[in-house]
């Protein structure tokens, strides 16, 4: 929902700016193209955040998940142009959305499977921990 509201806000601001400074690149096809990319990126971002949800439930604080997010981001920067970027979920998400996965030499199915498996493991671990600790 936040992603959709952000996208709508960006489009309204772009259209308002278009009233004062003509922008020829704002068209319906370009809007749809970037909306699809942003939507897919949001779905992949949501899927890759599940391990951090588990960390939050497990530690009951935000320090460990923030450290984990920072570490994942730094590793993403290091791996983004390497041959194994398609196997690292956060880099694979970006490469899938931008259509650059084939240049990295990683099959699309493997990258999708890595993201999907990591997401399922994060959800399963979070649910198990929540049921064991919180629901009695």
N, C-alpha and C. Protein backbone atom coordinates (compact mmCIF):
# COMPACT_ATOMS: atom_id res chain seq x y z
N UNK A 1 0.83 -1.19 0.00
CA UNK A 1 0.00 0.00 0.00
C UNK A 1 0.87 1.25 0.00
N UNK A 2 1.93 1.21 0.83
CA UNK A 2 2.83 2.36 0.88
C UNK A 2 3.49 2.60 -0.48
N UNK A 3 3.86 1.51 -1.15
CA UNK A 3 4.49 1.63 -2.46
C UNK A 3 3.54 2.27 -3.46
N UNK A 4 2.28 1.86 -3.45
CA UNK A 4 1.31 2.42 -4.38
C UNK A 4 1.05 3.90 -4.09
N UNK A 5 0.97 4.25 -2.82
CA UNK A 5 0.78 5.66 -2.47
C UNK A 5 1.99 6.50 -2.87
N UNK A 6 3.18 5.95 -2.69
CA UNK A 6 4.40 6.66 -3.09
C UNK A 6 4.42 6.88 -4.60
N UNK A 7 4.04 5.86 -5.35
CA UNK A 7 4.02 5.97 -6.80
C UNK A 7 2.99 7.01 -7.24
N UNK A 8 1.83 7.01 -6.62
CA UNK A 8 0.80 7.99 -6.96
C UNK A 8 1.28 9.40 -6.64
N UNK A 9 1.95 9.57 -5.51
CA UNK A 9 2.49 10.86 -5.14
C UNK A 9 3.53 11.34 -6.15
N UNK A 10 4.39 10.46 -6.58
CA UNK A 10 5.41 10.82 -7.57
C UNK A 10 4.75 11.26 -8.87
N UNK A 11 3.73 10.53 -9.29
CA UNK A 11 3.05 10.88 -10.54
C UNK A 11 2.31 12.21 -10.43
N UNK A 12 1.68 12.49 -9.31
CA UNK A 12 0.98 13.76 -9.13
C UNK A 12 1.99 14.91 -9.14
N UNK A 13 3.10 14.74 -8.44
CA UNK A 13 4.13 15.78 -8.46
C UNK A 13 4.71 15.99 -9.85
N UNK A 14 4.91 14.90 -10.58
CA UNK A 14 5.44 15.03 -11.95
C UNK A 14 4.44 15.76 -12.85
N UNK A 15 3.16 15.46 -12.69
CA UNK A 15 2.15 16.15 -13.49
C UNK A 15 2.04 17.62 -13.10
N UNK A 16 2.17 17.94 -11.81
CA UNK A 16 2.17 19.34 -11.38
C UNK A 16 3.38 20.08 -11.95
N UNK A 17 4.53 19.46 -11.91
CA UNK A 17 5.73 20.07 -12.49
C UNK A 17 5.57 20.25 -13.99
N UNK A 18 4.85 19.32 -14.62
CA UNK A 18 4.62 19.39 -16.06
C UNK A 18 3.80 20.62 -16.43
N UNK A 19 3.00 21.13 -15.51
CA UNK A 19 2.22 22.34 -15.78
C UNK A 19 3.12 23.57 -15.93
N UNK A 20 4.24 23.60 -15.21
CA UNK A 20 5.13 24.75 -15.24
C UNK A 20 6.31 24.56 -16.19
N UNK A 21 6.83 23.36 -16.24
CA UNK A 21 7.95 23.03 -17.12
C UNK A 21 7.54 21.81 -17.93
N UNK A 22 7.33 21.97 -19.23
CA UNK A 22 6.87 20.83 -20.03
C UNK A 22 7.87 19.67 -20.01
N UNK A 23 7.35 18.50 -19.71
CA UNK A 23 8.17 17.29 -19.68
C UNK A 23 7.59 16.33 -20.73
N UNK A 24 8.34 16.09 -21.77
CA UNK A 24 7.83 15.27 -22.88
C UNK A 24 7.87 13.78 -22.56
N UNK A 25 8.65 13.37 -21.58
CA UNK A 25 8.81 11.95 -21.30
C UNK A 25 7.67 11.35 -20.49
N UNK A 26 6.78 12.16 -19.94
CA UNK A 26 5.68 11.62 -19.15
C UNK A 26 4.54 11.26 -20.10
N UNK A 27 4.43 9.96 -20.36
CA UNK A 27 3.37 9.42 -21.21
C UNK A 27 2.75 8.22 -20.51
N UNK A 28 1.61 7.79 -20.98
CA UNK A 28 0.94 6.63 -20.39
C UNK A 28 1.82 5.38 -20.49
N UNK A 29 2.44 5.08 -21.67
CA UNK A 29 3.31 3.90 -21.72
C UNK A 29 4.51 3.98 -20.77
N UNK A 30 5.12 5.16 -20.65
CA UNK A 30 6.26 5.28 -19.72
C UNK A 30 5.78 5.13 -18.28
N UNK A 31 4.60 5.67 -17.98
CA UNK A 31 4.03 5.51 -16.64
C UNK A 31 3.82 4.03 -16.33
N UNK A 32 3.21 3.29 -17.24
CA UNK A 32 2.95 1.87 -17.02
C UNK A 32 4.25 1.06 -16.92
N UNK A 33 5.22 1.38 -17.76
CA UNK A 33 6.50 0.69 -17.74
C UNK A 33 7.17 0.82 -16.38
N UNK A 34 7.27 2.04 -15.86
CA UNK A 34 7.93 2.24 -14.58
C UNK A 34 7.07 1.79 -13.41
N UNK A 35 5.74 1.83 -13.56
CA UNK A 35 4.87 1.32 -12.51
C UNK A 35 5.07 -0.18 -12.34
N UNK A 36 5.16 -0.92 -13.45
CA UNK A 36 5.38 -2.37 -13.37
C UNK A 36 6.73 -2.66 -12.72
N UNK A 37 7.77 -1.91 -13.10
CA UNK A 37 9.09 -2.11 -12.50
C UNK A 37 9.06 -1.81 -11.00
N UNK A 38 8.39 -0.75 -10.61
CA UNK A 38 8.33 -0.40 -9.20
C UNK A 38 7.50 -1.42 -8.43
N UNK A 39 6.43 -1.92 -9.02
CA UNK A 39 5.60 -2.91 -8.36
C UNK A 39 6.38 -4.21 -8.14
N UNK A 40 7.07 -4.68 -9.18
CA UNK A 40 7.88 -5.90 -9.04
C UNK A 40 8.99 -5.71 -8.01
N UNK A 41 9.63 -4.55 -8.04
CA UNK A 41 10.66 -4.26 -7.05
C UNK A 41 10.10 -4.27 -5.64
N UNK A 42 8.91 -3.74 -5.46
CA UNK A 42 8.27 -3.75 -4.15
C UNK A 42 7.93 -5.15 -3.68
N UNK A 43 7.47 -5.99 -4.59
CA UNK A 43 7.16 -7.38 -4.24
C UNK A 43 8.43 -8.11 -3.82
N UNK A 44 9.51 -7.95 -4.60
CA UNK A 44 10.78 -8.60 -4.26
C UNK A 44 11.34 -8.03 -2.95
N UNK A 45 11.21 -6.73 -2.74
CA UNK A 45 11.68 -6.13 -1.50
C UNK A 45 10.93 -6.70 -0.30
N UNK A 46 9.64 -6.84 -0.44
CA UNK A 46 8.84 -7.43 0.64
C UNK A 46 9.27 -8.86 0.90
N UNK A 47 9.55 -9.62 -0.14
CA UNK A 47 9.95 -11.02 0.01
C UNK A 47 11.32 -11.15 0.67
N UNK A 48 12.21 -10.20 0.40
CA UNK A 48 13.57 -10.31 0.95
C UNK A 48 13.68 -9.74 2.36
N UNK A 49 12.62 -9.20 2.90
CA UNK A 49 12.67 -8.64 4.25
C UNK A 49 12.24 -9.62 5.34
N UNK A 50 11.75 -10.79 4.96
CA UNK A 50 11.24 -11.73 5.96
C UNK A 50 12.29 -12.21 6.96
N UNK A 51 13.56 -12.40 6.60
CA UNK A 51 14.54 -12.77 7.63
C UNK A 51 14.71 -11.69 8.70
N UNK A 52 14.54 -10.44 8.32
CA UNK A 52 14.67 -9.36 9.28
C UNK A 52 13.45 -9.28 10.20
N UNK A 53 12.31 -9.71 9.69
CA UNK A 53 11.12 -9.81 10.55
C UNK A 53 11.37 -10.88 11.61
N UNK A 54 11.95 -12.00 11.19
CA UNK A 54 12.29 -13.05 12.16
C UNK A 54 13.26 -12.52 13.21
N UNK A 55 14.29 -11.80 12.79
CA UNK A 55 15.25 -11.23 13.74
C UNK A 55 14.57 -10.30 14.73
N UNK A 56 13.61 -9.53 14.24
CA UNK A 56 12.88 -8.61 15.11
C UNK A 56 12.06 -9.37 16.14
N UNK A 57 11.40 -10.42 15.71
CA UNK A 57 10.59 -11.23 16.64
C UNK A 57 11.50 -11.94 17.64
N UNK A 58 12.61 -12.44 17.15
CA UNK A 58 13.51 -13.21 18.03
C UNK A 58 14.18 -12.34 19.08
N UNK A 59 14.68 -11.18 18.68
CA UNK A 59 15.42 -10.34 19.62
C UNK A 59 14.53 -9.35 20.36
N UNK A 60 13.32 -9.13 19.87
CA UNK A 60 12.37 -8.19 20.47
C UNK A 60 12.93 -6.77 20.56
N UNK A 61 13.78 -6.42 19.64
CA UNK A 61 14.33 -5.06 19.55
C UNK A 61 14.70 -4.80 18.09
N UNK A 62 15.14 -3.59 17.80
CA UNK A 62 15.41 -3.21 16.42
C UNK A 62 16.90 -3.11 16.09
N UNK A 63 17.77 -3.27 17.06
CA UNK A 63 19.20 -3.11 16.81
C UNK A 63 19.72 -4.22 15.90
N UNK A 64 19.45 -5.46 16.23
CA UNK A 64 19.95 -6.58 15.41
C UNK A 64 19.40 -6.56 13.98
N UNK A 65 18.10 -6.32 13.79
CA UNK A 65 17.61 -6.24 12.40
C UNK A 65 18.23 -5.08 11.62
N UNK A 66 18.45 -3.95 12.27
CA UNK A 66 19.08 -2.82 11.57
C UNK A 66 20.52 -3.15 11.18
N UNK A 67 21.23 -3.83 12.05
CA UNK A 67 22.59 -4.26 11.72
C UNK A 67 22.54 -5.25 10.56
N UNK A 68 21.57 -6.17 10.59
CA UNK A 68 21.41 -7.13 9.50
C UNK A 68 21.08 -6.46 8.18
N UNK A 69 20.21 -5.46 8.20
CA UNK A 69 19.87 -4.73 6.97
C UNK A 69 21.10 -3.99 6.44
N UNK A 70 21.86 -3.36 7.34
CA UNK A 70 23.07 -2.65 6.91
C UNK A 70 24.08 -3.62 6.31
N UNK A 71 24.25 -4.78 6.93
CA UNK A 71 25.19 -5.77 6.40
C UNK A 71 24.72 -6.30 5.04
N UNK A 72 23.43 -6.59 4.91
CA UNK A 72 22.90 -7.07 3.63
C UNK A 72 23.07 -6.01 2.54
N UNK A 73 22.88 -4.76 2.89
CA UNK A 73 23.04 -3.67 1.92
C UNK A 73 24.49 -3.52 1.48
N UNK A 74 25.40 -3.60 2.42
CA UNK A 74 26.82 -3.48 2.07
C UNK A 74 27.28 -4.66 1.21
N UNK A 75 26.84 -5.85 1.56
CA UNK A 75 27.18 -7.02 0.74
C UNK A 75 26.57 -6.88 -0.65
N UNK A 76 25.37 -6.33 -0.73
CA UNK A 76 24.72 -6.09 -2.01
C UNK A 76 25.56 -5.16 -2.89
N UNK A 77 26.10 -4.11 -2.29
CA UNK A 77 26.94 -3.18 -3.05
C UNK A 77 28.19 -3.88 -3.58
N UNK A 78 28.79 -4.72 -2.76
CA UNK A 78 30.00 -5.42 -3.17
C UNK A 78 29.71 -6.42 -4.29
N UNK A 79 28.59 -7.14 -4.19
CA UNK A 79 28.29 -8.21 -5.14
C UNK A 79 27.53 -7.78 -6.38
N UNK A 80 27.06 -6.54 -6.43
CA UNK A 80 26.13 -6.14 -7.48
C UNK A 80 26.66 -6.32 -8.90
N UNK A 81 27.95 -6.23 -9.11
CA UNK A 81 28.50 -6.40 -10.46
C UNK A 81 29.29 -7.68 -10.62
N UNK A 82 29.20 -8.57 -9.65
CA UNK A 82 29.96 -9.82 -9.74
C UNK A 82 29.12 -10.92 -10.39
N UNK A 83 29.75 -12.01 -10.67
CA UNK A 83 29.06 -13.14 -11.30
C UNK A 83 28.10 -13.86 -10.39
N UNK A 84 28.26 -13.71 -9.09
CA UNK A 84 27.37 -14.41 -8.15
C UNK A 84 26.24 -13.51 -7.65
N UNK A 85 26.07 -12.35 -8.24
CA UNK A 85 25.02 -11.42 -7.80
C UNK A 85 23.63 -12.03 -7.95
N UNK A 86 23.43 -12.88 -8.93
CA UNK A 86 22.13 -13.51 -9.13
C UNK A 86 21.75 -14.51 -8.07
N UNK A 87 22.72 -14.95 -7.28
CA UNK A 87 22.45 -15.91 -6.22
C UNK A 87 22.25 -15.23 -4.86
N UNK A 88 22.54 -13.95 -4.77
CA UNK A 88 22.33 -13.18 -3.54
C UNK A 88 20.96 -12.50 -3.66
N UNK A 89 20.03 -12.79 -2.78
CA UNK A 89 18.63 -12.36 -2.97
C UNK A 89 18.43 -10.87 -3.21
N UNK A 90 19.16 -10.02 -2.52
CA UNK A 90 18.94 -8.59 -2.67
C UNK A 90 19.49 -8.08 -4.00
N UNK A 91 20.61 -8.60 -4.44
CA UNK A 91 21.12 -8.24 -5.77
C UNK A 91 20.25 -8.85 -6.86
N UNK A 92 19.82 -10.08 -6.65
CA UNK A 92 18.99 -10.76 -7.64
C UNK A 92 17.68 -10.02 -7.86
N UNK A 93 17.12 -9.46 -6.81
CA UNK A 93 15.87 -8.70 -6.94
C UNK A 93 16.06 -7.53 -7.89
N UNK A 94 17.12 -6.78 -7.66
CA UNK A 94 17.39 -5.63 -8.52
C UNK A 94 17.66 -6.06 -9.96
N UNK A 95 18.47 -7.10 -10.12
CA UNK A 95 18.81 -7.56 -11.47
C UNK A 95 17.59 -8.10 -12.21
N UNK A 96 16.69 -8.76 -11.50
CA UNK A 96 15.46 -9.26 -12.12
C UNK A 96 14.58 -8.11 -12.60
N UNK A 97 14.41 -7.10 -11.77
CA UNK A 97 13.55 -5.97 -12.13
C UNK A 97 14.14 -5.19 -13.29
N UNK A 98 15.44 -4.99 -13.28
CA UNK A 98 16.08 -4.20 -14.32
C UNK A 98 16.39 -4.99 -15.60
N UNK A 99 16.18 -6.29 -15.57
CA UNK A 99 16.44 -7.11 -16.76
C UNK A 99 17.91 -7.33 -17.03
N UNK A 100 18.74 -7.25 -16.03
CA UNK A 100 20.18 -7.39 -16.20
C UNK A 100 20.71 -8.72 -15.69
N UNK A 101 19.82 -9.64 -15.38
CA UNK A 101 20.24 -10.91 -14.80
C UNK A 101 21.02 -11.76 -15.80
N UNK A 102 20.63 -11.71 -17.06
CA UNK A 102 21.30 -12.55 -18.06
C UNK A 102 22.77 -12.15 -18.24
N UNK A 103 23.10 -10.90 -18.02
CA UNK A 103 24.49 -10.45 -18.12
C UNK A 103 25.35 -11.01 -17.00
N UNK A 104 24.73 -11.36 -15.88
CA UNK A 104 25.48 -11.89 -14.74
C UNK A 104 25.73 -13.39 -14.85
N UNK A 105 25.06 -14.05 -15.80
CA UNK A 105 25.28 -15.47 -16.01
C UNK A 105 24.51 -16.38 -15.07
N UNK A 106 23.46 -15.87 -14.47
CA UNK A 106 22.65 -16.67 -13.55
C UNK A 106 21.26 -16.87 -14.17
N UNK A 107 20.77 -18.10 -14.22
CA UNK A 107 19.43 -18.32 -14.76
C UNK A 107 18.36 -17.63 -13.91
N UNK A 108 17.36 -17.13 -14.58
CA UNK A 108 16.27 -16.42 -13.91
C UNK A 108 15.56 -17.30 -12.87
N UNK A 109 15.36 -18.56 -13.22
CA UNK A 109 14.64 -19.48 -12.33
C UNK A 109 15.38 -19.68 -11.01
N UNK A 110 16.70 -19.74 -11.08
CA UNK A 110 17.49 -19.92 -9.86
C UNK A 110 17.38 -18.69 -8.96
N UNK A 111 17.45 -17.50 -9.55
CA UNK A 111 17.31 -16.28 -8.75
C UNK A 111 15.94 -16.20 -8.11
N UNK A 112 14.91 -16.52 -8.86
CA UNK A 112 13.55 -16.51 -8.30
C UNK A 112 13.41 -17.54 -7.20
N UNK A 113 14.02 -18.71 -7.40
CA UNK A 113 13.97 -19.77 -6.38
C UNK A 113 14.69 -19.33 -5.10
N UNK A 114 15.83 -18.67 -5.23
CA UNK A 114 16.58 -18.20 -4.06
C UNK A 114 15.74 -17.20 -3.27
N UNK A 115 15.11 -16.26 -3.98
CA UNK A 115 14.27 -15.26 -3.31
C UNK A 115 13.08 -15.94 -2.65
N UNK A 116 12.44 -16.86 -3.36
CA UNK A 116 11.25 -17.54 -2.85
C UNK A 116 11.58 -18.40 -1.63
N UNK A 117 12.66 -19.16 -1.70
CA UNK A 117 13.06 -20.03 -0.58
C UNK A 117 13.43 -19.19 0.64
N UNK A 118 14.19 -18.12 0.43
CA UNK A 118 14.56 -17.26 1.55
C UNK A 118 13.32 -16.64 2.19
N UNK A 119 12.37 -16.22 1.37
CA UNK A 119 11.14 -15.65 1.89
C UNK A 119 10.33 -16.67 2.69
N UNK A 120 10.21 -17.88 2.14
CA UNK A 120 9.47 -18.92 2.85
C UNK A 120 10.14 -19.31 4.16
N UNK A 121 11.45 -19.41 4.17
CA UNK A 121 12.17 -19.73 5.40
C UNK A 121 11.99 -18.64 6.45
N UNK A 122 12.04 -17.39 6.03
CA UNK A 122 11.83 -16.28 6.95
C UNK A 122 10.43 -16.27 7.52
N UNK A 123 9.44 -16.52 6.67
CA UNK A 123 8.05 -16.55 7.13
C UNK A 123 7.83 -17.73 8.08
N UNK A 124 8.34 -18.90 7.70
CA UNK A 124 8.16 -20.09 8.54
C UNK A 124 8.83 -19.92 9.90
N UNK A 125 10.06 -19.40 9.91
CA UNK A 125 10.76 -19.19 11.17
C UNK A 125 10.04 -18.16 12.03
N UNK A 126 9.54 -17.09 11.41
CA UNK A 126 8.81 -16.06 12.16
C UNK A 126 7.53 -16.62 12.76
N UNK A 127 6.78 -17.37 11.97
CA UNK A 127 5.53 -17.95 12.47
C UNK A 127 5.79 -18.94 13.61
N UNK A 128 6.80 -19.77 13.42
CA UNK A 128 7.13 -20.76 14.46
C UNK A 128 7.54 -20.07 15.75
N UNK A 129 8.40 -19.09 15.64
CA UNK A 129 8.86 -18.36 16.83
C UNK A 129 7.71 -17.62 17.49
N UNK A 130 6.86 -16.99 16.69
CA UNK A 130 5.72 -16.25 17.23
C UNK A 130 4.76 -17.18 17.95
N UNK A 131 4.47 -18.34 17.35
CA UNK A 131 3.55 -19.29 17.97
C UNK A 131 4.14 -19.87 19.25
N UNK A 132 5.43 -20.14 19.24
CA UNK A 132 6.06 -20.75 20.40
C UNK A 132 6.21 -19.77 21.56
N UNK A 133 6.51 -18.53 21.27
CA UNK A 133 6.79 -17.55 22.33
C UNK A 133 5.58 -16.71 22.72
N UNK A 134 4.78 -16.32 21.76
CA UNK A 134 3.72 -15.35 22.03
C UNK A 134 2.35 -15.99 22.25
N UNK A 135 2.09 -17.05 21.54
CA UNK A 135 0.77 -17.68 21.63
C UNK A 135 0.89 -18.92 22.49
N UNK A 136 0.24 -18.90 23.62
CA UNK A 136 0.30 -20.05 24.53
C UNK A 136 -1.09 -20.33 25.04
